[in-house]
Amino acid sequence: MKTYLLNVGELIRERNESRITELLPKLDEARREKVLAAKTPGIRAAELGAGLLLQKVVRDWLDQKTDDDAAQGSSKGSSDRILCTVSGLGAQTEAPLALAYRYGEKGKPYFREIPLFFSLSHSGEYVLCAVSRREVGADIQKLQPTDVLKLAGRFYSEPEYLALERCADEKERQRFFFELWSRKEARGKLTGEGVAAVLGQDLAWGDAAQGVEWMTVMPPEGYAAAVCVRRNRFF
């Protein structure tokens, strides 16, 4: 499997609406509509980034035609991380691929004609896309000052809460809180049920009993990220 990471900060900070408009033709029709429907500069930039990443994901797949590791249904427990830039993706001169999507019972998006699963997430200045031949869920979270024990008392399992209490200092506690939150978001995206379905579950020490495998993914500085795949569902 692979993870693609794109920094869209230049579009957010500069509120560069002209640049977003310039890049819209690089997207498929469905993703263009999402950009145009976005209500804030930050969401527009994130939706644009998601559309650019999906174009790259499929172009890479067409170039390679196979993902040996995922196709064999095995895993090394980690993912290849591909760093992308807006200027690099925007420099694509070919016409955009006419991607088509279908949606699961709970609204989770899938490619209609391409044998790959994907999952998108955005937070702060980054957009994350995980792609695999196995069902996948991904999430990225920007670390920010939060009353973590108060929130964990409402939404985390008792073992997770106790683990947070045992953290050496507040910096470690903040990071661990967001790592757990990104796991919950990723797990909810894997099934399409959303984070609410897994808030009380203990995800700090894996989820193998549920047929889920957690992948090692390196987030950018100041962020937490999580990616998981389903063991028994793959193209």
Foldseek 3Di string as FASTA:
>chain_A
DAKEKEFLPVCQVVVPVVVLVLQLQQFAPVLSVQLVPDDDSVSNSQSSVVRLVVQVVVVVCVVVVDDVQQVVLHDPQAHHYHYDYPVRSSVDPDGGDNWDWDADPLGQIDTPPDQKEKEWEDEDRMIMMDIGQFQKFKYKYFQDDDPLLVVCVVFEAPVLSVVLVPDPDPVRSSQSSQQVVQVLQRVCSSVSNGSVVPRHPHPPPHDVVVQKRWHDDDDPPRMHMTMIGGSPGGD
